[in-house]
Amino acid sequence: MATEQQASYNAILGVAGIWPRIRGGQRLTISSRIVSKLAFVLSKYGSPSADVTFEIRKVSDNSLIMSKVWGSAADLQASGSEQLEEVEFNTPTFINEEVRICVLYSADISNFRVELHYQNTDVKASELLAYQNTEGGAWTDIVEYDAAYRYTYNSIVAPTVTTDPATEIT
């Protein structure tokens, strides 16, 4: 299995809490890969306790491709002690399109939040930090930032065809 990642980070995007973002993540293209795991560098501020869910959504219509609950936000490390947190999807799925990989935390508590770490210098040109303020609301994609993420995948290898000479012709 191989991985694609953005390992560097130097800033924080708050998800839920006093920032009304319910999802935060990365907009990128996944080309002909079977995705099995997804990870983000996360921490918490305050005492959030609702579930944190990792998702992969189509950019074209925002439909859900894959989703898995990571666990309770209470189990995240405190701000300043962030860690790479990962889920393994129950069913690895083939993806060949532009997607948003994201963290969902929809608890509405004014002084608690999940923190998604991102890089705001030396970002990949083809990727955008993304967030959504409300369920079903418009996404905001920011070119200057790159979420700290990793996904694990297998590549799809195109089949090859071999033509042998005909035999036993009668």
C-alpha atoms as a PDB file:
ATOM      1  CA  MET A   1       0.000   0.000   0.000  1.00  0.00           C
ATOM      2  CA  ALA A   2       1.106   3.537  -0.743  1.00  0.00           C
ATOM      3  CA  THR A   3       0.296   6.883   0.842  1.00  0.00           C
ATOM      4  CA  GLU A   4      -0.303  10.447  -0.304  1.00  0.00           C
ATOM      5  CA  GLN A   5       0.210  13.108   2.321  1.00  0.00           C
ATOM      6  CA  GLN A   6       0.845  16.639   3.436  1.00  0.00           C
ATOM      7  CA  ALA A   7       2.911  16.122   6.567  1.00  0.00           C
ATOM      8  CA  SER A   8       3.821  19.735   7.383  1.00  0.00           C
ATOM      9  CA  TYR A   9       1.610  22.075   9.361  1.00  0.00           C
ATOM     10  CA  ASN A  10       1.972  25.428  11.095  1.00  0.00           C
ATOM     11  CA  ALA A  11      -1.593  26.703  11.678  1.00  0.00           C
ATOM     12  CA  ILE A  12      -5.003  25.605  12.966  1.00  0.00           C
ATOM     13  CA  LEU A  13      -8.523  25.611  11.481  1.00  0.00           C
ATOM     14  CA  GLY A  14     -11.218  25.387  14.165  1.00  0.00           C
ATOM     15  CA  VAL A  15     -14.101  23.014  13.375  1.00  0.00           C
ATOM     16  CA  ALA A  16     -17.304  23.731  15.399  1.00  0.00           C
ATOM     17  CA  GLY A  17     -17.138  25.730  18.616  1.00  0.00           C
ATOM     18  CA  ILE A  18     -16.948  29.510  18.231  1.00  0.00           C
ATOM     19  CA  TRP A  19     -16.153  29.045  14.526  1.00  0.00           C
ATOM     20  CA  PRO A  20     -19.279  27.856  12.770  1.00  0.00           C
ATOM     21  CA  ARG A  21     -17.459  25.365  10.529  1.00  0.00           C
ATOM     22  CA  ILE A  22     -18.840  21.852  10.727  1.00  0.00           C
ATOM     23  CA  ARG A  23     -16.378  20.357   8.213  1.00  0.00           C
ATOM     24  CA  GLY A  24     -12.776  21.124   7.408  1.00  0.00           C
ATOM     25  CA  GLY A  25     -10.299  19.370   5.148  1.00  0.00           C
ATOM     26  CA  GLN A  26      -8.617  19.320   1.778  1.00  0.00           C
ATOM     27  CA  ARG A  27      -9.833  19.597  -1.804  1.00  0.00           C
ATOM     28  CA  LEU A  28      -7.723  17.442  -4.105  1.00  0.00           C
ATOM     29  CA  THR A  29      -7.895  14.986  -6.997  1.00  0.00           C
ATOM     30  CA  ILE A  30      -7.544  11.277  -6.300  1.00  0.00           C
ATOM     31  CA  SER A  31      -6.785   9.470  -9.559  1.00  0.00           C
ATOM     32  CA  SER A  32      -7.546   5.773 -10.029  1.00  0.00           C
ATOM     33  CA  ARG A  33      -6.875   4.690  -6.461  1.00  0.00           C
ATOM     34  CA  ILE A  34      -8.583   2.359  -4.025  1.00  0.00           C
ATOM     35  CA  VAL A  35      -8.589   4.326  -0.769  1.00  0.00           C
ATOM     36  CA  SER A  36      -8.543   2.336   2.478  1.00  0.00           C
ATOM     37  CA  LYS A  37      -7.414   4.769   5.217  1.00  0.00           C
ATOM     38  CA  LEU A  38      -7.633   8.490   5.942  1.00  0.00           C
ATOM     39  CA  ALA A  39      -5.783  10.528   8.573  1.00  0.00           C
ATOM     40  CA  PHE A  40      -5.581  14.148   9.717  1.00  0.00           C
ATOM     41  CA  VAL A  41      -3.437  15.988  12.259  1.00  0.00           C
ATOM     42  CA  LEU A  42      -5.953  16.951  14.944  1.00  0.00           C
ATOM     43  CA  SER A  43      -6.190  18.350  18.455  1.00  0.00           C
ATOM     44  CA  LYS A  44      -8.937  19.781  20.651  1.00  0.00           C
ATOM     45  CA  TYR A  45      -9.615  23.052  22.388  1.00  0.00           C
ATOM     46  CA  GLY A  46     -11.705  22.972  25.550  1.00  0.00           C
ATOM     47  CA  SER A  47     -13.698  19.831  26.270  1.00  0.00           C
ATOM     48  CA  PRO A  48     -15.490  18.729  23.099  1.00  0.00           C
ATOM     49  CA  SER A  49     -17.202  15.368  23.452  1.00  0.00           C
ATOM     50  CA  ALA A  50     -19.252  14.589  20.323  1.00  0.00           C
ATOM     51  CA  ASP A  51     -18.101  12.181  17.604  1.00  0.00           C
ATOM     52  CA  VAL A  52     -15.463  13.125  15.042  1.00  0.00           C
ATOM     53  CA  THR A  53     -16.129  11.630  11.607  1.00  0.00           C
ATOM     54  CA  PHE A  54     -13.753  11.399   8.624  1.00  0.00           C
ATOM     55  CA  GLU A  55     -15.378  11.731   5.195  1.00  0.00           C
ATOM     56  CA  ILE A  56     -14.571  11.732   1.498  1.00  0.00           C
ATOM     57  CA  ARG A  57     -17.055  13.737  -0.618  1.00  0.00           C
ATOM     58  CA  LYS A  58     -17.352  14.402  -4.345  1.00  0.00           C
ATOM     59  CA  VAL A  59     -16.652  18.005  -5.325  1.00  0.00           C
ATOM     60  CA  SER A  60     -19.122  17.745  -8.225  1.00  0.00           C
ATOM     61  CA  ASP A  61     -22.264  17.312  -6.081  1.00  0.00           C
ATOM     62  CA  ASN A  62     -21.017  17.055  -2.456  1.00  0.00           C
ATOM     63  CA  SER A  63     -22.295  13.469  -2.223  1.00  0.00           C
ATOM     64  CA  LEU A  64     -20.661  11.196   0.305  1.00  0.00           C
ATOM     65  CA  ILE A  65     -18.252   8.551  -1.037  1.00  0.00           C
ATOM     66  CA  MET A  66     -16.936   7.173   2.273  1.00  0.00           C
ATOM     67  CA  SER A  67     -17.414   7.943   5.953  1.00  0.00           C
ATOM     68  CA  LYS A  68     -16.197   6.532   9.252  1.00  0.00           C
ATOM     69  CA  VAL A  69     -16.485   7.708  12.840  1.00  0.00           C
ATOM     70  CA  TRP A  70     -13.002   8.219  14.301  1.00  0.00           C
ATOM     71  CA  GLY A  71     -14.283   8.456  17.872  1.00  0.00           C
ATOM     72  CA  SER A  72     -15.076  10.993  20.543  1.00  0.00           C
ATOM     73  CA  ALA A  73     -13.470  14.431  20.348  1.00  0.00           C
ATOM     74  CA  ALA A  74     -12.797  14.001  24.076  1.00  0.00           C
ATOM     75  CA  ASP A  75     -10.091  11.470  23.116  1.00  0.00           C
ATOM     76  CA  LEU A  76      -8.096  13.971  21.034  1.00  0.00           C
ATOM     77  CA  GLN A  77      -4.906  15.476  22.449  1.00  0.00           C
ATOM     78  CA  ALA A  78      -5.104  19.048  23.744  1.00  0.00           C
ATOM     79  CA  SER A  79      -4.060  21.952  21.558  1.00  0.00           C
ATOM     80  CA  GLY A  80      -0.254  21.991  21.327  1.00  0.00           C
ATOM     81  CA  SER A  81      -0.046  18.173  21.566  1.00  0.00           C
ATOM     82  CA  GLU A  82      -1.650  17.385  18.200  1.00  0.00           C
ATOM     83  CA  GLN A  83      -1.344  13.928  16.619  1.00  0.00           C
ATOM     84  CA  LEU A  84      -2.010  12.231  13.310  1.00  0.00           C
ATOM     85  CA  GLU A  85      -5.348  10.456  13.817  1.00  0.00           C
ATOM     86  CA  GLU A  86      -6.438   7.765  11.348  1.00  0.00           C
ATOM     87  CA  VAL A  87      -9.452   5.665  10.384  1.00  0.00           C
ATOM     88  CA  GLU A  88      -9.559   2.523   8.276  1.00  0.00           C
ATOM     89  CA  PHE A  89     -12.677   2.380   6.141  1.00  0.00           C
ATOM     90  CA  ASN A  90     -14.778  -0.786   6.318  1.00  0.00           C
ATOM     91  CA  THR A  91     -14.837  -1.092   2.536  1.00  0.00           C
ATOM     92  CA  PRO A  92     -11.895   0.308   0.523  1.00  0.00           C
ATOM     93  CA  THR A  93     -13.354   2.282  -2.378  1.00  0.00           C
ATOM     94  CA  PHE A  94     -12.170   3.167  -5.886  1.00  0.00           C
ATOM     95  CA  ILE A  95     -11.903   6.930  -6.398  1.00  0.00           C
ATOM     96  CA  ASN A  96     -11.068   8.697  -9.654  1.00  0.00           C
ATOM     97  CA  GLU A  97     -12.183  12.319  -9.320  1.00  0.00           C
ATOM     98  CA  GLU A  98     -11.828  15.609  -7.466  1.00  0.00           C
ATOM     99  CA  VAL A  99     -12.887  15.167  -3.833  1.00  0.00           C
ATOM    100  CA  ARG A 100     -12.867  16.834  -0.446  1.00  0.00           C
ATOM    101  CA  ILE A 101     -11.350  14.752   2.324  1.00  0.00           C
ATOM    102  CA  CYS A 102     -12.670  16.180   5.554  1.00  0.00           C
ATOM    103  CA  VAL A 103     -13.288  16.057   9.283  1.00  0.00           C
ATOM    104  CA  LEU A 104     -16.893  16.456  10.442  1.00  0.00           C
ATOM    105  CA  TYR A 105     -17.593  17.806  13.913  1.00  0.00           C
ATOM    106  CA  SER A 106     -21.068  19.276  14.164  1.00  0.00           C
ATOM    107  CA  ALA A 107     -21.496  19.829  17.904  1.00  0.00           C
ATOM    108  CA  ASP A 108     -22.731  23.346  18.578  1.00  0.00           C
ATOM    109  CA  ILE A 109     -20.808  24.332  21.684  1.00  0.00           C
ATOM    110  CA  SER A 110     -19.444  27.858  21.773  1.00  0.00           C
ATOM    111  CA  ASN A 111     -16.170  27.264  23.607  1.00  0.00           C
ATOM    112  CA  PHE A 112     -15.155  23.774  22.421  1.00  0.00           C
ATOM    113  CA  ARG A 113     -13.742  22.750  19.063  1.00  0.00           C
ATOM    114  CA  VAL A 114     -11.773  20.213  17.089  1.00  0.00           C
ATOM    115  CA  GLU A 115      -8.630  21.703  15.549  1.00  0.00           C
ATOM    116  CA  LEU A 116      -7.522  20.651  12.070  1.00  0.00           C
ATOM    117  CA  HIS A 117      -3.876  21.514  11.482  1.00  0.00           C
ATOM    118  CA  TYR A 118      -2.733  22.932   8.138  1.00  0.00           C
ATOM    119  CA  GLN A 119       0.246  24.442   6.310  1.00  0.00           C
ATOM    120  CA  ASN A 120       0.077  28.065   5.130  1.00  0.00           C
ATOM    121  CA  THR A 121       3.434  28.194   3.330  1.00  0.00           C
ATOM    122  CA  ASP A 122       4.874  26.037   0.512  1.00  0.00           C
ATOM    123  CA  VAL A 123       1.496  24.492  -0.325  1.00  0.00           C
ATOM    124  CA  LYS A 124       0.781  22.116  -3.212  1.00  0.00           C
ATOM    125  CA  ALA A 125      -0.536  24.117  -6.166  1.00  0.00           C
ATOM    126  CA  SER A 126      -3.254  21.601  -7.066  1.00  0.00           C
ATOM    127  CA  GLU A 127      -4.813  21.389  -3.594  1.00  0.00           C
ATOM    128  CA  LEU A 128      -7.027  23.700  -1.547  1.00  0.00           C
ATOM    129  CA  LEU A 129      -7.946  23.875   2.115  1.00  0.00           C
ATOM    130  CA  ALA A 130     -11.732  23.475   2.330  1.00  0.00           C
ATOM    131  CA  TYR A 131     -14.407  24.092   4.916  1.00  0.00           C
ATOM    132  CA  GLN A 132     -18.188  24.079   5.133  1.00  0.00           C
ATOM    133  CA  ASN A 133     -20.070  26.276   7.596  1.00  0.00           C
ATOM    134  CA  THR A 134     -23.444  24.521   7.676  1.00  0.00           C
ATOM    135  CA  GLU A 135     -24.855  21.171   6.609  1.00  0.00           C
ATOM    136  CA  GLY A 136     -25.659  21.520   2.925  1.00  0.00           C
ATOM    137  CA  GLY A 137     -24.102  24.993   2.779  1.00  0.00           C
ATOM    138  CA  ALA A 138     -21.550  26.216   0.272  1.00  0.00           C
ATOM    139  CA  TRP A 139     -17.933  25.131   0.620  1.00  0.00           C
ATOM    140  CA  THR A 140     -15.096  27.634   0.876  1.00  0.00           C
ATOM    141  CA  ASP A 141     -11.860  26.529  -0.809  1.00  0.00           C
ATOM    142  CA  ILE A 142      -8.682  28.452   0.024  1.00  0.00           C
ATOM    143  CA  VAL A 143      -5.703  28.224  -2.312  1.00  0.00           C
ATOM    144  CA  GLU A 144      -3.063  29.462   0.142  1.00  0.00           C
ATOM    145  CA  TYR A 145      -3.441  26.606   2.669  1.00  0.00           C
ATOM    146  CA  ASP A 146      -2.896  22.836   2.721  1.00  0.00           C
ATOM    147  CA  ALA A 147      -4.433  20.581   5.425  1.00  0.00           C
ATOM    148  CA  ALA A 148      -2.147  18.081   7.175  1.00  0.00           C
ATOM    149  CA  TYR A 149      -3.490  14.741   5.958  1.00  0.00           C
ATOM    150  CA  ARG A 150      -2.556  11.270   4.768  1.00  0.00           C
ATOM    151  CA  TYR A 151      -4.532   8.709   2.838  1.00  0.00           C
ATOM    152  CA  THR A 152      -3.544   5.116   2.127  1.00  0.00           C
ATOM    153  CA  TYR A 153      -4.355   3.516  -1.208  1.00  0.00           C
ATOM    154  CA  ASN A 154      -3.689   0.833  -3.790  1.00  0.00           C
ATOM    155  CA  SER A 155      -3.249   1.965  -7.386  1.00  0.00           C
ATOM    156  CA  ILE A 156      -5.351   0.492 -10.124  1.00  0.00           C
ATOM    157  CA  VAL A 157      -3.126  -1.069 -12.760  1.00  0.00           C
ATOM    158  CA  ALA A 158      -4.614  -1.163 -16.224  1.00  0.00           C
ATOM    159  CA  PRO A 159      -4.980  -4.709 -17.508  1.00  0.00           C
ATOM    160  CA  THR A 160      -2.727  -5.849 -20.323  1.00  0.00           C
ATOM    161  CA  VAL A 161      -3.787  -7.965 -23.273  1.00  0.00           C
ATOM    162  CA  THR A 162      -1.547 -10.449 -25.036  1.00  0.00           C
ATOM    163  CA  THR A 163      -2.523 -11.838 -28.418  1.00  0.00           C
ATOM    164  CA  ASP A 164      -1.038 -15.246 -29.225  1.00  0.00           C
ATOM    165  CA  PRO A 165      -1.061 -16.825 -32.682  1.00  0.00           C
ATOM    166  CA  ALA A 166      -4.044 -19.032 -33.462  1.00  0.00           C
ATOM    167  CA  THR A 167      -3.476 -22.784 -32.965  1.00  0.00           C
ATOM    168  CA  GLU A 168      -5.278 -26.005 -33.865  1.00  0.00           C
ATOM    169  CA  ILE A 169      -7.019 -24.506 -36.855  1.00  0.00           C
ATOM    170  CA  THR A 170      -9.018 -27.122 -38.804  1.00  0.00           C
END
